[in-house]
Amino acid sequence: MAEKKSTTKNFILRLDPVMMDAIEAWAADEFRSTNGQIQWILAEALKKAGRMKKAKTKKSDGN
């Protein structure tokens, strides 16, 4: 059986309980998983710092 190639890298992240609680609450407010919220926070910080290109969005043709 062939192995699937992962498109993500896994690692352990240690957060203090207060920070983790804040992230979990924020994620719940935005209907995201905690992991998804952390990924979103990191992506936004990288874009703001100019370290990652912004994703291109499709333009609507009005139909």
PDB file of N, CA and C in Angstrom:
ATOM      1  N   MET A   1       0.846  -1.188   0.000  1.00  0.00           N
ATOM      2  CA  MET A   1       0.000   0.000   0.000  1.00  0.00           C
ATOM      3  C   MET A   1       0.888   1.246   0.000  1.00  0.00           C
ATOM      4  N   ALA A   2       0.600   2.184  -0.870  1.00  0.00           N
ATOM      5  CA  ALA A   2       1.399   3.408  -0.991  1.00  0.00           C
ATOM      6  C   ALA A   2       1.079   4.368   0.146  1.00  0.00           C
ATOM      7  N   GLU A   3       2.108   5.052   0.614  1.00  0.00           N
ATOM      8  CA  GLU A   3       1.915   6.040   1.668  1.00  0.00           C
ATOM      9  C   GLU A   3       1.486   7.368   1.055  1.00  0.00           C
ATOM     10  N   LYS A   4       0.602   8.064   1.756  1.00  0.00           N
ATOM     11  CA  LYS A   4       0.178   9.396   1.314  1.00  0.00           C
ATOM     12  C   LYS A   4       1.201  10.412   1.790  1.00  0.00           C
ATOM     13  N   LYS A   5       1.522  11.361   0.929  1.00  0.00           N
ATOM     14  CA  LYS A   5       2.418  12.443   1.326  1.00  0.00           C
ATOM     15  C   LYS A   5       1.608  13.517   2.037  1.00  0.00           C
ATOM     16  N   SER A   6       2.074  13.919   3.188  1.00  0.00           N
ATOM     17  CA  SER A   6       1.406  14.956   3.961  1.00  0.00           C
ATOM     18  C   SER A   6       1.757  16.331   3.400  1.00  0.00           C
ATOM     19  N   THR A   7       0.787  17.217   3.365  1.00  0.00           N
ATOM     20  CA  THR A   7       1.040  18.585   2.909  1.00  0.00           C
ATOM     21  C   THR A   7       1.287  19.527   4.087  1.00  0.00           C
ATOM     22  N   THR A   8       1.282  18.987   5.294  1.00  0.00           N
ATOM     23  CA  THR A   8       1.541  19.793   6.483  1.00  0.00           C
ATOM     24  C   THR A   8       2.643  19.144   7.303  1.00  0.00           C
ATOM     25  N   LYS A   9       3.247  19.943   8.154  1.00  0.00           N
ATOM     26  CA  LYS A   9       4.247  19.434   9.085  1.00  0.00           C
ATOM     27  C   LYS A   9       3.663  19.501  10.487  1.00  0.00           C
ATOM     28  N   ASN A  10       3.892  18.458  11.247  1.00  0.00           N
ATOM     29  CA  ASN A  10       3.405  18.407  12.623  1.00  0.00           C
ATOM     30  C   ASN A  10       4.555  18.727  13.582  1.00  0.00           C
ATOM     31  N   PHE A  11       4.238  19.424  14.670  1.00  0.00           N
ATOM     32  CA  PHE A  11       5.218  19.678  15.715  1.00  0.00           C
ATOM     33  C   PHE A  11       4.482  19.978  17.010  1.00  0.00           C
ATOM     34  N   ILE A  12       5.201  19.884  18.090  1.00  0.00           N
ATOM     35  CA  ILE A  12       4.617  20.151  19.404  1.00  0.00           C
ATOM     36  C   ILE A  12       4.767  21.644  19.710  1.00  0.00           C
ATOM     37  N   LEU A  13       3.703  22.251  20.189  1.00  0.00           N
ATOM     38  CA  LEU A  13       3.707  23.659  20.563  1.00  0.00           C
ATOM     39  C   LEU A  13       3.301  23.758  22.029  1.00  0.00           C
ATOM     40  N   ARG A  14       4.124  24.375  22.814  1.00  0.00           N
ATOM     41  CA  ARG A  14       3.823  24.535  24.233  1.00  0.00           C
ATOM     42  C   ARG A  14       3.294  25.950  24.474  1.00  0.00           C
ATOM     43  N   LEU A  15       2.108  26.046  25.035  1.00  0.00           N
ATOM     44  CA  LEU A  15       1.499  27.336  25.359  1.00  0.00           C
ATOM     45  C   LEU A  15       1.109  27.345  26.823  1.00  0.00           C
ATOM     46  N   ASP A  16       1.196  28.509  27.439  1.00  0.00           N
ATOM     47  CA  ASP A  16       0.741  28.584  28.819  1.00  0.00           C
ATOM     48  C   ASP A  16      -0.787  28.507  28.829  1.00  0.00           C
ATOM     49  N   PRO A  17      -1.362  28.060  29.942  1.00  0.00           N
ATOM     50  CA  PRO A  17      -2.817  27.847  30.005  1.00  0.00           C
ATOM     51  C   PRO A  17      -3.653  29.089  29.706  1.00  0.00           C
ATOM     52  N   VAL A  18      -3.203  30.253  30.105  1.00  0.00           N
ATOM     53  CA  VAL A  18      -3.965  31.484  29.866  1.00  0.00           C
ATOM     54  C   VAL A  18      -4.036  31.771  28.369  1.00  0.00           C
ATOM     55  N   MET A  19      -2.905  31.622  27.670  1.00  0.00           N
ATOM     56  CA  MET A  19      -2.882  31.849  26.231  1.00  0.00           C
ATOM     57  C   MET A  19      -3.744  30.818  25.506  1.00  0.00           C
ATOM     58  N   MET A  20      -3.644  29.561  25.929  1.00  0.00           N
ATOM     59  CA  MET A  20      -4.422  28.508  25.293  1.00  0.00           C
ATOM     60  C   MET A  20      -5.919  28.762  25.477  1.00  0.00           C
ATOM     61  N   ASP A  21      -6.318  29.161  26.670  1.00  0.00           N
ATOM     62  CA  ASP A  21      -7.733  29.478  26.920  1.00  0.00           C
ATOM     63  C   ASP A  21      -8.215  30.603  26.013  1.00  0.00           C
ATOM     64  N   ALA A  22      -7.385  31.628  25.842  1.00  0.00           N
ATOM     65  CA  ALA A  22      -7.750  32.768  24.993  1.00  0.00           C
ATOM     66  C   ALA A  22      -7.889  32.332  23.535  1.00  0.00           C
ATOM     67  N   ILE A  23      -6.976  31.492  23.064  1.00  0.00           N
ATOM     68  CA  ILE A  23      -7.043  31.014  21.681  1.00  0.00           C
ATOM     69  C   ILE A  23      -8.264  30.129  21.472  1.00  0.00           C
ATOM     70  N   GLU A  24      -8.553  29.262  22.436  1.00  0.00           N
ATOM     71  CA  GLU A  24      -9.734  28.394  22.322  1.00  0.00           C
ATOM     72  C   GLU A  24     -11.022  29.208  22.276  1.00  0.00           C
ATOM     73  N   ALA A  25     -11.104  30.248  23.105  1.00  0.00           N
ATOM     74  CA  ALA A  25     -12.296  31.096  23.116  1.00  0.00           C
ATOM     75  C   ALA A  25     -12.431  31.859  21.800  1.00  0.00           C
ATOM     76  N   TRP A  26     -11.332  32.370  21.282  1.00  0.00           N
ATOM     77  CA  TRP A  26     -11.329  33.100  20.011  1.00  0.00           C
ATOM     78  C   TRP A  26     -11.747  32.167  18.884  1.00  0.00           C
ATOM     79  N   ALA A  27     -11.214  30.957  18.885  1.00  0.00           N
ATOM     80  CA  ALA A  27     -11.563  29.970  17.859  1.00  0.00           C
ATOM     81  C   ALA A  27     -13.060  29.664  17.898  1.00  0.00           C
ATOM     82  N   ALA A  28     -13.596  29.481  19.080  1.00  0.00           N
ATOM     83  CA  ALA A  28     -15.022  29.191  19.221  1.00  0.00           C
ATOM     84  C   ALA A  28     -15.866  30.355  18.704  1.00  0.00           C
ATOM     85  N   ASP A  29     -15.441  31.578  18.990  1.00  0.00           N
ATOM     86  CA  ASP A  29     -16.161  32.765  18.519  1.00  0.00           C
ATOM     87  C   ASP A  29     -16.206  32.834  16.995  1.00  0.00           C
ATOM     88  N   GLU A  30     -15.176  32.310  16.328  1.00  0.00           N
ATOM     89  CA  GLU A  30     -15.086  32.376  14.871  1.00  0.00           C
ATOM     90  C   GLU A  30     -15.395  31.040  14.200  1.00  0.00           C
ATOM     91  N   PHE A  31     -15.937  30.099  14.975  1.00  0.00           N
ATOM     92  CA  PHE A  31     -16.336  28.785  14.455  1.00  0.00           C
ATOM     93  C   PHE A  31     -15.182  28.056  13.773  1.00  0.00           C
ATOM     94  N   ARG A  32     -13.996  28.120  14.405  1.00  0.00           N
ATOM     95  CA  ARG A  32     -12.820  27.409  13.921  1.00  0.00           C
ATOM     96  C   ARG A  32     -12.372  26.424  14.991  1.00  0.00           C
ATOM     97  N   SER A  33     -11.589  25.438  14.569  1.00  0.00           N
ATOM     98  CA  SER A  33     -10.919  24.579  15.542  1.00  0.00           C
ATOM     99  C   SER A  33      -9.779  25.380  16.160  1.00  0.00           C
ATOM    100  N   THR A  34      -9.290  24.918  17.287  1.00  0.00           N
ATOM    101  CA  THR A  34      -8.153  25.591  17.912  1.00  0.00           C
ATOM    102  C   THR A  34      -6.952  25.556  16.972  1.00  0.00           C
ATOM    103  N   ASN A  35      -6.713  24.411  16.345  1.00  0.00           N
ATOM    104  CA  ASN A  35      -5.609  24.290  15.392  1.00  0.00           C
ATOM    105  C   ASN A  35      -5.797  25.262  14.230  1.00  0.00           C
ATOM    106  N   GLY A  36      -7.006  25.337  13.691  1.00  0.00           N
ATOM    107  CA  GLY A  36      -7.291  26.253  12.594  1.00  0.00           C
ATOM    108  C   GLY A  36      -7.079  27.699  12.993  1.00  0.00           C
ATOM    109  N   GLN A  37      -7.440  28.032  14.217  1.00  0.00           N
ATOM    110  CA  GLN A  37      -7.256  29.406  14.699  1.00  0.00           C
ATOM    111  C   GLN A  37      -5.780  29.748  14.798  1.00  0.00           C
ATOM    112  N   ILE A  38      -4.972  28.819  15.317  1.00  0.00           N
ATOM    113  CA  ILE A  38      -3.532  29.055  15.428  1.00  0.00           C
ATOM    114  C   ILE A  38      -2.924  29.217  14.037  1.00  0.00           C
ATOM    115  N   GLN A  39      -3.337  28.385  13.087  1.00  0.00           N
ATOM    116  CA  GLN A  39      -2.841  28.516  11.714  1.00  0.00           C
ATOM    117  C   GLN A  39      -3.222  29.875  11.128  1.00  0.00           C
ATOM    118  N   TRP A  40      -4.450  30.320  11.369  1.00  0.00           N
ATOM    119  CA  TRP A  40      -4.913  31.607  10.853  1.00  0.00           C
ATOM    120  C   TRP A  40      -4.104  32.753  11.480  1.00  0.00           C
ATOM    121  N   ILE A  41      -3.887  32.695  12.798  1.00  0.00           N
ATOM    122  CA  ILE A  41      -3.121  33.739  13.487  1.00  0.00           C
ATOM    123  C   ILE A  41      -1.712  33.817  12.907  1.00  0.00           C
ATOM    124  N   LEU A  42      -1.083  32.670  12.726  1.00  0.00           N
ATOM    125  CA  LEU A  42       0.272  32.648  12.183  1.00  0.00           C
ATOM    126  C   LEU A  42       0.310  33.171  10.745  1.00  0.00           C
ATOM    127  N   ALA A  43      -0.647  32.762   9.930  1.00  0.00           N
ATOM    128  CA  ALA A  43      -0.689  33.216   8.535  1.00  0.00           C
ATOM    129  C   ALA A  43      -0.856  34.732   8.467  1.00  0.00           C
ATOM    130  N   GLU A  44      -1.749  35.276   9.291  1.00  0.00           N
ATOM    131  CA  GLU A  44      -1.960  36.729   9.308  1.00  0.00           C
ATOM    132  C   GLU A  44      -0.703  37.466   9.756  1.00  0.00           C
ATOM    133  N   ALA A  45      -0.019  36.945  10.771  1.00  0.00           N
ATOM    134  CA  ALA A  45       1.210  37.580  11.255  1.00  0.00           C
ATOM    135  C   ALA A  45       2.295  37.537  10.181  1.00  0.00           C
ATOM    136  N   LEU A  46       2.405  36.420   9.475  1.00  0.00           N
ATOM    137  CA  LEU A  46       3.399  36.302   8.404  1.00  0.00           C
ATOM    138  C   LEU A  46       3.100  37.263   7.257  1.00  0.00           C
ATOM    139  N   LYS A  47       1.844  37.401   6.877  1.00  0.00           N
ATOM    140  CA  LYS A  47       1.467  38.351   5.817  1.00  0.00           C
ATOM    141  C   LYS A  47       1.787  39.783   6.243  1.00  0.00           C
ATOM    142  N   LYS A  48       1.423  40.120   7.472  1.00  0.00           N
ATOM    143  CA  LYS A  48       1.642  41.474   7.977  1.00  0.00           C
ATOM    144  C   LYS A  48       3.130  41.815   8.019  1.00  0.00           C
ATOM    145  N   ALA A  49       3.966  40.832   8.319  1.00  0.00           N
ATOM    146  CA  ALA A  49       5.406  41.046   8.392  1.00  0.00           C
ATOM    147  C   ALA A  49       6.079  40.959   7.025  1.00  0.00           C
ATOM    148  N   GLY A  50       5.290  40.660   5.988  1.00  0.00           N
ATOM    149  CA  GLY A  50       5.852  40.555   4.649  1.00  0.00           C
ATOM    150  C   GLY A  50       6.649  39.281   4.434  1.00  0.00           C
ATOM    151  N   ARG A  51       6.392  38.273   5.239  1.00  0.00           N
ATOM    152  CA  ARG A  51       7.126  37.015   5.155  1.00  0.00           C
ATOM    153  C   ARG A  51       6.398  35.965   4.316  1.00  0.00           C
ATOM    154  N   MET A  52       5.142  36.238   3.976  1.00  0.00           N
ATOM    155  CA  MET A  52       4.352  35.292   3.196  1.00  0.00           C
ATOM    156  C   MET A  52       3.463  36.080   2.254  1.00  0.00           C
ATOM    157  N   LYS A  53       3.385  35.627   1.017  1.00  0.00           N
ATOM    158  CA  LYS A  53       2.555  36.313   0.045  1.00  0.00           C
ATOM    159  C   LYS A  53       1.087  36.132   0.396  1.00  0.00           C
ATOM    160  N   LYS A  54       0.297  37.156   0.128  1.00  0.00           N
ATOM    161  CA  LYS A  54      -1.144  37.078   0.333  1.00  0.00           C
ATOM    162  C   LYS A  54      -1.747  36.152  -0.708  1.00  0.00           C
ATOM    163  N   ALA A  55      -2.743  35.383  -0.304  1.00  0.00           N
ATOM    164  CA  ALA A  55      -3.415  34.466  -1.233  1.00  0.00           C
ATOM    165  C   ALA A  55      -4.215  35.276  -2.232  1.00  0.00           C
ATOM    166  N   LYS A  56      -4.181  34.857  -3.490  1.00  0.00           N
ATOM    167  CA  LYS A  56      -4.962  35.534  -4.518  1.00  0.00           C
ATOM    168  C   LYS A  56      -6.416  35.113  -4.381  1.00  0.00           C
ATOM    169  N   THR A  57      -7.315  36.065  -4.590  1.00  0.00           N
ATOM    170  CA  THR A  57      -8.741  35.769  -4.533  1.00  0.00           C
ATOM    171  C   THR A  57      -9.330  35.858  -5.928  1.00  0.00           C
ATOM    172  N   LYS A  58     -10.339  35.053  -6.169  1.00  0.00           N
ATOM    173  CA  LYS A  58     -11.005  35.075  -7.477  1.00  0.00           C
ATOM    174  C   LYS A  58     -11.945  36.271  -7.521  1.00  0.00           C
ATOM    175  N   LYS A  59     -11.945  36.954  -8.651  1.00  0.00           N
ATOM    176  CA  LYS A  59     -12.855  38.082  -8.826  1.00  0.00           C
ATOM    177  C   LYS A  59     -14.124  37.590  -9.481  1.00  0.00           C
ATOM    178  N   SER A  60     -15.233  38.097  -9.009  1.00  0.00           N
ATOM    179  CA  SER A  60     -16.528  37.734  -9.587  1.00  0.00           C
ATOM    180  C   SER A  60     -16.755  38.509 -10.882  1.00  0.00           C
ATOM    181  N   ASP A  61     -17.326  37.826 -11.898  1.00  0.00           N
ATOM    182  CA  ASP A  61     -17.587  38.522 -13.157  1.00  0.00           C
ATOM    183  C   ASP A  61     -18.994  39.131 -13.188  1.00  0.00           C
ATOM    184  N   GLY A  62     -19.725  39.011 -12.060  1.00  0.00           N
ATOM    185  CA  GLY A  62     -21.035  39.646 -11.970  1.00  0.00           C
ATOM    186  C   GLY A  62     -22.182  38.813 -12.475  1.00  0.00           C
ATOM    187  N   ASN A  63     -21.946  37.571 -12.883  1.00  0.00           N
ATOM    188  CA  ASN A  63     -23.036  36.712 -13.379  1.00  0.00           C
ATOM    189  C   ASN A  63     -23.721  36.007 -12.263  1.00  0.00           C
TER     190      ASN A  63
END
